[in-house]
Amino acid sequence: MTKSLNGTELVGYIKERQARQVRGLRQARKIFPKLVIIKTPGASKVINTYVRLKQSYGADILIQTDIETVTEAEMPTVINRLNNDESVHGVIVQLPLDDPAKTDEILNLIAPEKDVDGLGNDAAFDSATAIAINWLLAGYGVALENKRIAIVGNGRLVGAPLARMWTRSGFMVNVLDRSTVDIAKELRSSDVVVTATGVPRLVTAAMLSVGAVVVDAGTASEKGVIVGDLDESVRERDDLTITPEKGGVGPLTVAALFDNVIAAAMRRVEN
């Protein structure tokens, strides 16, 4: 029987711990953690849903979460203002931008100590999605020592930061991207697979080794429906440990983002 890596089952415990931390900061330190999410007026329905989920999560643990809707041309001015606002502990830009070519330029304007998504070159925090995947595997007792790990995709949000995190930890990481000659061959020799390309149904059942652990962190929109990187055939196998179609990495990514906001607020106290 297929084993499920369900982030929704884990997030409640994290949320309770975060709520206690925030109450402690507010009551004992008079610090009121605050996150600001910047998005464009043309953000899609999917993006706006993500933003609302983050705002709701923040409200649940008493972290003020404000939304600034501005054009990309206005973002440098807004980010500069937020960098200098001591009441703001975290700033994120909801991706993708209307013009993806400006992503590096804009993200690197966020002060490193407020870059709670961990996406700027000098961010003081790890990527929220990379942290979430780490939490998910640890929460289900998946050890990475001496395992052959494949990360499909080398993108800014997941692949690249996760590869850096796991390489720092001494794990055997193999990053697969468009230059990889035979992705199927590489996957069949891997014990743990994380896929994050945004290419629907890229990974099929025939590509995976017996008993593999599979984390689908890819997202794409097809006819208004969010789909991952895994083909339907993967979920028909009964020997895999795998994330569900919904509730896998996503809930923990939001939790990890707010963990970074809390850490940023705590660092402000310590400094």
C-alpha atoms as a PDB file:
ATOM      1  CA  MET A   1       0.000   0.000   0.000  1.00  0.00           C
ATOM      2  CA  THR A   2       1.297   3.468  -0.907  1.00  0.00           C
ATOM      3  CA  LYS A   3       2.444   5.511   2.103  1.00  0.00           C
ATOM      4  CA  SER A   4       1.459   9.179   2.191  1.00  0.00           C
ATOM      5  CA  LEU A   5       3.683  12.145   3.093  1.00  0.00           C
ATOM      6  CA  ASN A   6       0.887  14.445   4.203  1.00  0.00           C
ATOM      7  CA  GLY A   7       1.998  17.905   5.263  1.00  0.00           C
ATOM      8  CA  THR A   8      -1.485  18.797   6.453  1.00  0.00           C
ATOM      9  CA  GLU A   9      -1.181  16.180   9.209  1.00  0.00           C
ATOM     10  CA  LEU A  10       2.035  17.802  10.484  1.00  0.00           C
ATOM     11  CA  VAL A  11       1.245  21.486  10.204  1.00  0.00           C
ATOM     12  CA  GLY A  12      -1.087  21.624  13.215  1.00  0.00           C
ATOM     13  CA  TYR A  13       1.721  20.834  15.652  1.00  0.00           C
ATOM     14  CA  ILE A  14       3.950  23.482  14.093  1.00  0.00           C
ATOM     15  CA  LYS A  15       1.154  26.033  14.181  1.00  0.00           C
ATOM     16  CA  GLU A  16       0.561  25.468  17.903  1.00  0.00           C
ATOM     17  CA  ARG A  17       4.245  25.996  18.650  1.00  0.00           C
ATOM     18  CA  GLN A  18       4.352  29.154  16.533  1.00  0.00           C
ATOM     19  CA  ALA A  19       1.272  30.588  18.250  1.00  0.00           C
ATOM     20  CA  ARG A  20       2.974  30.122  21.637  1.00  0.00           C
ATOM     21  CA  GLN A  21       6.118  31.839  20.366  1.00  0.00           C
ATOM     22  CA  VAL A  22       4.163  34.800  19.006  1.00  0.00           C
ATOM     23  CA  ARG A  23       2.203  35.170  22.234  1.00  0.00           C
ATOM     24  CA  GLY A  24       5.502  35.207  24.118  1.00  0.00           C
ATOM     25  CA  LEU A  25       6.929  37.915  21.863  1.00  0.00           C
ATOM     26  CA  ARG A  26       3.802  40.032  22.136  1.00  0.00           C
ATOM     27  CA  GLN A  27       3.316  39.690  25.884  1.00  0.00           C
ATOM     28  CA  ALA A  28       6.844  39.544  27.269  1.00  0.00           C
ATOM     29  CA  ARG A  29       8.761  41.536  24.663  1.00  0.00           C
ATOM     30  CA  LYS A  30       6.096  43.820  23.203  1.00  0.00           C
ATOM     31  CA  ILE A  31       7.200  42.666  19.753  1.00  0.00           C
ATOM     32  CA  PHE A  32       4.376  42.249  17.225  1.00  0.00           C
ATOM     33  CA  PRO A  33       5.654  40.185  14.272  1.00  0.00           C
ATOM     34  CA  LYS A  34       4.574  41.535  10.912  1.00  0.00           C
ATOM     35  CA  LEU A  35       4.851  40.220   7.358  1.00  0.00           C
ATOM     36  CA  VAL A  36       4.206  42.208   4.182  1.00  0.00           C
ATOM     37  CA  ILE A  37       3.411  40.400   0.920  1.00  0.00           C
ATOM     38  CA  ILE A  38       3.959  42.355  -2.282  1.00  0.00           C
ATOM     39  CA  LYS A  39       2.066  41.292  -5.388  1.00  0.00           C
ATOM     40  CA  THR A  40       1.205  42.716  -8.782  1.00  0.00           C
ATOM     41  CA  PRO A  41      -2.267  43.917  -9.837  1.00  0.00           C
ATOM     42  CA  GLY A  42      -2.271  41.238 -12.539  1.00  0.00           C
ATOM     43  CA  ALA A  43      -1.731  38.328 -10.151  1.00  0.00           C
ATOM     44  CA  SER A  44      -3.677  35.229 -11.184  1.00  0.00           C
ATOM     45  CA  LYS A  45      -6.509  33.634  -9.231  1.00  0.00           C
ATOM     46  CA  VAL A  46      -4.107  30.914  -8.114  1.00  0.00           C
ATOM     47  CA  ILE A  47      -1.618  33.472  -6.793  1.00  0.00           C
ATOM     48  CA  ASN A  48      -4.349  35.410  -5.012  1.00  0.00           C
ATOM     49  CA  THR A  49      -5.496  32.171  -3.382  1.00  0.00           C
ATOM     50  CA  TYR A  50      -1.967  31.540  -2.095  1.00  0.00           C
ATOM     51  CA  VAL A  51      -1.825  35.059  -0.707  1.00  0.00           C
ATOM     52  CA  ARG A  52      -5.143  34.644   1.100  1.00  0.00           C
ATOM     53  CA  LEU A  53      -3.956  31.350   2.610  1.00  0.00           C
ATOM     54  CA  LYS A  54      -0.871  33.069   3.977  1.00  0.00           C
ATOM     55  CA  GLN A  55      -2.908  35.939   5.356  1.00  0.00           C
ATOM     56  CA  SER A  56      -5.285  33.488   7.058  1.00  0.00           C
ATOM     57  CA  TYR A  57      -2.409  31.472   8.542  1.00  0.00           C
ATOM     58  CA  GLY A  58      -0.824  34.643   9.898  1.00  0.00           C
ATOM     59  CA  ALA A  59      -4.094  35.688  11.512  1.00  0.00           C
ATOM     60  CA  ASP A  60      -4.384  32.284  13.202  1.00  0.00           C
ATOM     61  CA  ILE A  61      -1.049  32.748  14.988  1.00  0.00           C
ATOM     62  CA  LEU A  62      -1.427  36.511  15.555  1.00  0.00           C
ATOM     63  CA  ILE A  63       1.095  37.655  12.963  1.00  0.00           C
ATOM     64  CA  GLN A  64      -0.116  40.731  11.107  1.00  0.00           C
ATOM     65  CA  THR A  65       0.057  40.006   7.379  1.00  0.00           C
ATOM     66  CA  ASP A  66      -0.419  42.966   5.057  1.00  0.00           C
ATOM     67  CA  ILE A  67      -0.767  42.939   1.274  1.00  0.00           C
ATOM     68  CA  GLU A  68       0.735  45.623  -0.974  1.00  0.00           C
ATOM     69  CA  THR A  69      -0.536  45.485  -4.552  1.00  0.00           C
ATOM     70  CA  VAL A  70       1.823  47.480  -6.764  1.00  0.00           C
ATOM     71  CA  THR A  71       3.298  47.399 -10.249  1.00  0.00           C
ATOM     72  CA  GLU A  72       6.790  46.069 -10.782  1.00  0.00           C
ATOM     73  CA  ALA A  73       7.972  49.607 -11.525  1.00  0.00           C
ATOM     74  CA  GLU A  74       6.784  50.653  -8.047  1.00  0.00           C
ATOM     75  CA  MET A  75       8.310  47.693  -6.202  1.00  0.00           C
ATOM     76  CA  PRO A  76      11.796  49.164  -5.597  1.00  0.00           C
ATOM     77  CA  THR A  77      10.297  52.180  -3.816  1.00  0.00           C
ATOM     78  CA  VAL A  78       7.916  50.027  -1.773  1.00  0.00           C
ATOM     79  CA  ILE A  79      10.633  47.540  -0.802  1.00  0.00           C
ATOM     80  CA  ASN A  80      12.946  50.365   0.268  1.00  0.00           C
ATOM     81  CA  ARG A  81      10.191  51.772   2.478  1.00  0.00           C
ATOM     82  CA  LEU A  82       9.519  48.386   4.056  1.00  0.00           C
ATOM     83  CA  ASN A  83      13.242  47.717   4.582  1.00  0.00           C
ATOM     84  CA  ASN A  84      13.371  50.880   6.700  1.00  0.00           C
ATOM     85  CA  ASP A  85      10.139  50.235   8.595  1.00  0.00           C
ATOM     86  CA  GLU A  86      11.032  48.802  11.996  1.00  0.00           C
ATOM     87  CA  SER A  87       7.510  47.478  12.508  1.00  0.00           C
ATOM     88  CA  VAL A  88       7.993  45.096   9.547  1.00  0.00           C
ATOM     89  CA  HIS A  89       9.918  41.868  10.213  1.00  0.00           C
ATOM     90  CA  GLY A  90       9.424  40.046   6.916  1.00  0.00           C
ATOM     91  CA  VAL A  91       8.951  41.062   3.280  1.00  0.00           C
ATOM     92  CA  ILE A  92       8.176  38.732   0.393  1.00  0.00           C
ATOM     93  CA  VAL A  93       7.352  39.250  -3.269  1.00  0.00           C
ATOM     94  CA  GLN A  94       4.719  36.814  -4.493  1.00  0.00           C
ATOM     95  CA  LEU A  95       6.059  35.167  -7.649  1.00  0.00           C
ATOM     96  CA  PRO A  96       5.869  34.906 -10.571  1.00  0.00           C
ATOM     97  CA  LEU A  97       6.221  38.514 -11.653  1.00  0.00           C
ATOM     98  CA  ASP A  98       4.588  39.816 -14.824  1.00  0.00           C
ATOM     99  CA  ASP A  99       8.119  40.168 -16.192  1.00  0.00           C
ATOM    100  CA  PRO A 100      10.138  37.187 -14.853  1.00  0.00           C
ATOM    101  CA  ALA A 101      13.355  38.789 -16.146  1.00  0.00           C
ATOM    102  CA  LYS A 102      13.127  41.288 -13.263  1.00  0.00           C
ATOM    103  CA  THR A 103      12.899  38.609 -10.553  1.00  0.00           C
ATOM    104  CA  ASP A 104      16.551  38.667  -9.445  1.00  0.00           C
ATOM    105  CA  GLU A 105      16.725  42.441  -9.475  1.00  0.00           C
ATOM    106  CA  ILE A 106      13.607  42.872  -7.344  1.00  0.00           C
ATOM    107  CA  LEU A 107      14.179  40.036  -4.865  1.00  0.00           C
ATOM    108  CA  ASN A 108      17.707  41.216  -4.148  1.00  0.00           C
ATOM    109  CA  LEU A 109      16.351  44.597  -3.044  1.00  0.00           C
ATOM    110  CA  ILE A 110      14.800  43.019   0.061  1.00  0.00           C
ATOM    111  CA  ALA A 111      16.979  43.482   3.150  1.00  0.00           C
ATOM    112  CA  PRO A 112      18.611  40.084   3.906  1.00  0.00           C
ATOM    113  CA  GLU A 113      17.323  40.116   7.491  1.00  0.00           C
ATOM    114  CA  LYS A 114      13.745  40.552   6.198  1.00  0.00           C
ATOM    115  CA  ASP A 115      13.983  38.126   3.265  1.00  0.00           C
ATOM    116  CA  VAL A 116      11.865  35.443   4.951  1.00  0.00           C
ATOM    117  CA  ASP A 117      11.213  33.573   1.694  1.00  0.00           C
ATOM    118  CA  GLY A 118      14.975  33.060   1.472  1.00  0.00           C
ATOM    119  CA  LEU A 119      15.139  33.832  -2.251  1.00  0.00           C
ATOM    120  CA  GLY A 120      17.596  36.744  -2.451  1.00  0.00           C
ATOM    121  CA  ASN A 121      21.303  36.148  -2.989  1.00  0.00           C
ATOM    122  CA  ASP A 122      22.174  37.301   0.524  1.00  0.00           C
ATOM    123  CA  ALA A 123      19.038  36.174   2.369  1.00  0.00           C
ATOM    124  CA  ALA A 124      19.541  35.457   6.070  1.00  0.00           C
ATOM    125  CA  PHE A 125      17.029  32.581   5.874  1.00  0.00           C
ATOM    126  CA  ASP A 126      16.755  29.297   4.024  1.00  0.00           C
ATOM    127  CA  SER A 127      14.063  28.954   1.373  1.00  0.00           C
ATOM    128  CA  ALA A 128      10.666  28.331   2.951  1.00  0.00           C
ATOM    129  CA  THR A 129       9.904  25.513   0.498  1.00  0.00           C
ATOM    130  CA  ALA A 130      13.254  23.814   1.129  1.00  0.00           C
ATOM    131  CA  ILE A 131      12.617  23.966   4.877  1.00  0.00           C
ATOM    132  CA  ALA A 132       9.128  22.525   4.307  1.00  0.00           C
ATOM    133  CA  ILE A 133      10.455  19.523   2.392  1.00  0.00           C
ATOM    134  CA  ASN A 134      13.015  18.909   5.135  1.00  0.00           C
ATOM    135  CA  TRP A 135      10.256  19.038   7.771  1.00  0.00           C
ATOM    136  CA  LEU A 136       8.011  16.735   5.743  1.00  0.00           C
ATOM    137  CA  LEU A 137      10.623  13.998   5.391  1.00  0.00           C
ATOM    138  CA  ALA A 138      11.780  14.318   8.999  1.00  0.00           C
ATOM    139  CA  GLY A 139       8.186  14.244  10.216  1.00  0.00           C
ATOM    140  CA  TYR A 140       7.655  10.863   8.574  1.00  0.00           C
ATOM    141  CA  GLY A 141      10.992   9.459   9.667  1.00  0.00           C
ATOM    142  CA  VAL A 142      12.628   9.487   6.230  1.00  0.00           C
ATOM    143  CA  ALA A 143      16.385   9.538   6.850  1.00  0.00           C
ATOM    144  CA  LEU A 144      18.568  11.002   4.092  1.00  0.00           C
ATOM    145  CA  GLU A 145      21.945   9.729   5.268  1.00  0.00           C
ATOM    146  CA  ASN A 146      23.517   7.340   2.751  1.00  0.00           C
ATOM    147  CA  LYS A 147      20.539   7.719   0.409  1.00  0.00           C
ATOM    148  CA  ARG A 148      20.816   8.525  -3.282  1.00  0.00           C
ATOM    149  CA  ILE A 149      18.814  11.745  -3.689  1.00  0.00           C
ATOM    150  CA  ALA A 150      17.625  13.182  -6.988  1.00  0.00           C
ATOM    151  CA  ILE A 151      16.217  16.701  -7.288  1.00  0.00           C
ATOM    152  CA  VAL A 152      14.429  17.268 -10.594  1.00  0.00           C
ATOM    153  CA  GLY A 153      14.624  20.953 -11.434  1.00  0.00           C
ATOM    154  CA  ASN A 154      17.165  23.567 -10.419  1.00  0.00           C
ATOM    155  CA  GLY A 155      14.844  26.534  -9.963  1.00  0.00           C
ATOM    156  CA  ARG A 156      15.059  29.409  -7.530  1.00  0.00           C
ATOM    157  CA  LEU A 157      12.059  28.405  -5.410  1.00  0.00           C
ATOM    158  CA  VAL A 158      12.794  24.754  -4.707  1.00  0.00           C
ATOM    159  CA  GLY A 159      15.528  22.879  -6.567  1.00  0.00           C
ATOM    160  CA  ALA A 160      18.500  25.192  -6.138  1.00  0.00           C
ATOM    161  CA  PRO A 161      17.974  26.112  -2.452  1.00  0.00           C
ATOM    162  CA  LEU A 162      17.129  22.521  -1.506  1.00  0.00           C
ATOM    163  CA  ALA A 163      20.260  21.235  -3.230  1.00  0.00           C
ATOM    164  CA  ARG A 164      22.355  23.791  -1.335  1.00  0.00           C
ATOM    165  CA  MET A 165      20.746  22.874   1.981  1.00  0.00           C
ATOM    166  CA  TRP A 166      21.223  19.139   1.566  1.00  0.00           C
ATOM    167  CA  THR A 167      24.724  19.461   0.137  1.00  0.00           C
ATOM    168  CA  ARG A 168      25.710  21.507   3.211  1.00  0.00           C
ATOM    169  CA  SER A 169      24.371  18.648   5.328  1.00  0.00           C
ATOM    170  CA  GLY A 170      26.626  16.183   3.529  1.00  0.00           C
ATOM    171  CA  PHE A 171      23.897  14.285   1.647  1.00  0.00           C
ATOM    172  CA  MET A 172      24.404  12.712  -1.793  1.00  0.00           C
ATOM    173  CA  VAL A 173      22.457  15.065  -4.069  1.00  0.00           C
ATOM    174  CA  ASN A 174      22.055  14.696  -7.819  1.00  0.00           C
ATOM    175  CA  VAL A 175      20.388  17.697  -9.502  1.00  0.00           C
ATOM    176  CA  LEU A 176      18.625  16.888 -12.777  1.00  0.00           C
ATOM    177  CA  ASP A 177      17.673  19.618 -15.239  1.00  0.00           C
ATOM    178  CA  ARG A 178      17.252  20.239 -18.951  1.00  0.00           C
ATOM    179  CA  SER A 179      20.894  19.326 -19.561  1.00  0.00           C
ATOM    180  CA  THR A 180      20.488  15.851 -18.063  1.00  0.00           C
ATOM    181  CA  VAL A 181      20.770  13.298 -20.856  1.00  0.00           C
ATOM    182  CA  ASP A 182      18.637  10.523 -19.354  1.00  0.00           C
ATOM    183  CA  ILE A 183      16.434  11.646 -16.465  1.00  0.00           C
ATOM    184  CA  ALA A 184      14.625   8.299 -16.289  1.00  0.00           C
ATOM    185  CA  LYS A 185      17.892   6.407 -15.797  1.00  0.00           C
ATOM    186  CA  GLU A 186      19.000   8.787 -13.047  1.00  0.00           C
ATOM    187  CA  LEU A 187      15.658   8.515 -11.243  1.00  0.00           C
ATOM    188  CA  ARG A 188      15.637   4.714 -11.362  1.00  0.00           C
ATOM    189  CA  SER A 189      18.895   4.721  -9.399  1.00  0.00           C
ATOM    190  CA  SER A 190      17.589   7.122  -6.714  1.00  0.00           C
ATOM    191  CA  ASP A 191      16.147   6.310  -3.289  1.00  0.00           C
ATOM    192  CA  VAL A 192      14.604   9.762  -2.721  1.00  0.00           C
ATOM    193  CA  VAL A 193      13.155  11.931  -5.501  1.00  0.00           C
ATOM    194  CA  VAL A 194      12.058  15.552  -5.188  1.00  0.00           C
ATOM    195  CA  THR A 195      10.533  16.989  -8.339  1.00  0.00           C
ATOM    196  CA  ALA A 196       9.883  20.706  -8.754  1.00  0.00           C
ATOM    197  CA  THR A 197       9.737  21.621 -12.430  1.00  0.00           C
ATOM    198  CA  GLY A 198       6.153  22.760 -12.980  1.00  0.00           C
ATOM    199  CA  VAL A 199       5.966  20.391 -15.965  1.00  0.00           C
ATOM    200  CA  PRO A 200       2.752  18.354 -15.596  1.00  0.00           C
ATOM    201  CA  ARG A 201       3.146  14.543 -15.618  1.00  0.00           C
ATOM    202  CA  LEU A 202       6.894  14.728 -16.238  1.00  0.00           C
ATOM    203  CA  VAL A 203       7.700  11.826 -13.893  1.00  0.00           C
ATOM    204  CA  THR A 204       6.054   8.498 -14.656  1.00  0.00           C
ATOM    205  CA  ALA A 205       5.803   5.279 -12.669  1.00  0.00           C
ATOM    206  CA  ALA A 206       8.366   3.530 -14.869  1.00  0.00           C
ATOM    207  CA  MET A 207      11.021   6.079 -13.904  1.00  0.00           C
ATOM    208  CA  LEU A 208      11.002   5.304 -10.185  1.00  0.00           C
ATOM    209  CA  SER A 209      12.865   2.623  -8.256  1.00  0.00           C
ATOM    210  CA  VAL A 210      11.122   0.098  -6.024  1.00  0.00           C
ATOM    211  CA  GLY A 211      10.291   1.602  -2.627  1.00  0.00           C
ATOM    212  CA  ALA A 212      11.313   5.132  -3.581  1.00  0.00           C
ATOM    213  CA  VAL A 213      10.316   8.184  -1.529  1.00  0.00           C
ATOM    214  CA  VAL A 214       8.779  10.788  -3.859  1.00  0.00           C
ATOM    215  CA  VAL A 215       8.049  14.432  -3.062  1.00  0.00           C
ATOM    216  CA  ASP A 216       6.103  16.356  -5.692  1.00  0.00           C
ATOM    217  CA  ALA A 217       6.819  20.065  -5.132  1.00  0.00           C
ATOM    218  CA  GLY A 218       6.006  21.116  -8.689  1.00  0.00           C
ATOM    219  CA  THR A 219       2.959  23.212  -9.443  1.00  0.00           C
ATOM    220  CA  ALA A 220       1.374  24.233 -12.722  1.00  0.00           C
ATOM    221  CA  SER A 221      -2.068  25.410 -13.714  1.00  0.00           C
ATOM    222  CA  GLU A 222      -4.025  23.446 -16.309  1.00  0.00           C
ATOM    223  CA  LYS A 223      -7.456  24.815 -17.174  1.00  0.00           C
ATOM    224  CA  GLY A 224      -7.593  26.501 -13.789  1.00  0.00           C
ATOM    225  CA  VAL A 225      -6.609  23.341 -11.892  1.00  0.00           C
ATOM    226  CA  ILE A 226      -3.314  23.032  -9.995  1.00  0.00           C
ATOM    227  CA  VAL A 227      -1.359  19.948 -11.038  1.00  0.00           C
ATOM    228  CA  GLY A 228       2.031  18.571 -10.044  1.00  0.00           C
ATOM    229  CA  ASP A 229       4.960  16.960 -11.834  1.00  0.00           C
ATOM    230  CA  LEU A 230       3.795  13.373 -11.302  1.00  0.00           C
ATOM    231  CA  ASP A 231       1.903  11.346 -13.850  1.00  0.00           C
ATOM    232  CA  GLU A 232      -1.247   9.599 -12.619  1.00  0.00           C
ATOM    233  CA  SER A 233       0.511   6.244 -13.083  1.00  0.00           C
ATOM    234  CA  VAL A 234       2.848   7.008 -10.175  1.00  0.00           C
ATOM    235  CA  ARG A 235      -0.013   6.923  -7.672  1.00  0.00           C
ATOM    236  CA  GLU A 236      -1.114   3.534  -8.955  1.00  0.00           C
ATOM    237  CA  ARG A 237       2.021   1.912  -7.543  1.00  0.00           C
ATOM    238  CA  ASP A 238       1.701   0.515  -4.038  1.00  0.00           C
ATOM    239  CA  ASP A 239       5.401   0.389  -3.061  1.00  0.00           C
ATOM    240  CA  LEU A 240       6.102   4.135  -2.935  1.00  0.00           C
ATOM    241  CA  THR A 241       6.107   6.706  -0.143  1.00  0.00           C
ATOM    242  CA  ILE A 242       4.667   9.782  -1.796  1.00  0.00           C
ATOM    243  CA  THR A 243       3.074  13.196  -1.263  1.00  0.00           C
ATOM    244  CA  PRO A 244      -0.686  13.369  -1.878  1.00  0.00           C
ATOM    245  CA  GLU A 245      -2.125  15.386  -4.752  1.00  0.00           C
ATOM    246  CA  LYS A 246      -3.111  18.071  -2.235  1.00  0.00           C
ATOM    247  CA  GLY A 247      -1.706  18.806   1.214  1.00  0.00           C
ATOM    248  CA  GLY A 248       1.857  17.624   0.683  1.00  0.00           C
ATOM    249  CA  VAL A 249       4.553  20.304   0.719  1.00  0.00           C
ATOM    250  CA  GLY A 250       2.248  23.339   0.386  1.00  0.00           C
ATOM    251  CA  PRO A 251       0.896  23.606   3.949  1.00  0.00           C
ATOM    252  CA  LEU A 252       4.373  23.223   5.404  1.00  0.00           C
ATOM    253  CA  THR A 253       5.788  25.871   3.054  1.00  0.00           C
ATOM    254  CA  VAL A 254       3.388  28.418   4.525  1.00  0.00           C
ATOM    255  CA  ALA A 255       4.327  27.272   8.045  1.00  0.00           C
ATOM    256  CA  ALA A 256       8.050  27.541   7.231  1.00  0.00           C
ATOM    257  CA  LEU A 257       7.562  31.074   5.895  1.00  0.00           C
ATOM    258  CA  PHE A 258       6.015  32.156   9.189  1.00  0.00           C
ATOM    259  CA  ASP A 259       8.736  30.322  11.119  1.00  0.00           C
ATOM    260  CA  ASN A 260      11.194  32.625   9.376  1.00  0.00           C
ATOM    261  CA  VAL A 261       9.070  35.673  10.262  1.00  0.00           C
ATOM    262  CA  ILE A 262       9.118  34.644  13.925  1.00  0.00           C
ATOM    263  CA  ALA A 263      12.873  34.083  13.762  1.00  0.00           C
ATOM    264  CA  ALA A 264      13.341  37.533  12.209  1.00  0.00           C
ATOM    265  CA  ALA A 265      11.327  39.102  15.046  1.00  0.00           C
ATOM    266  CA  MET A 266      13.351  37.198  17.644  1.00  0.00           C
ATOM    267  CA  ARG A 267      16.629  38.330  16.078  1.00  0.00           C
ATOM    268  CA  ARG A 268      15.419  41.914  16.311  1.00  0.00           C
ATOM    269  CA  VAL A 269      14.975  41.406  20.062  1.00  0.00           C
ATOM    270  CA  GLU A 270      18.409  39.834  20.443  1.00  0.00           C
ATOM    271  CA  ASN A 271      20.081  42.661  18.554  1.00  0.00           C
END
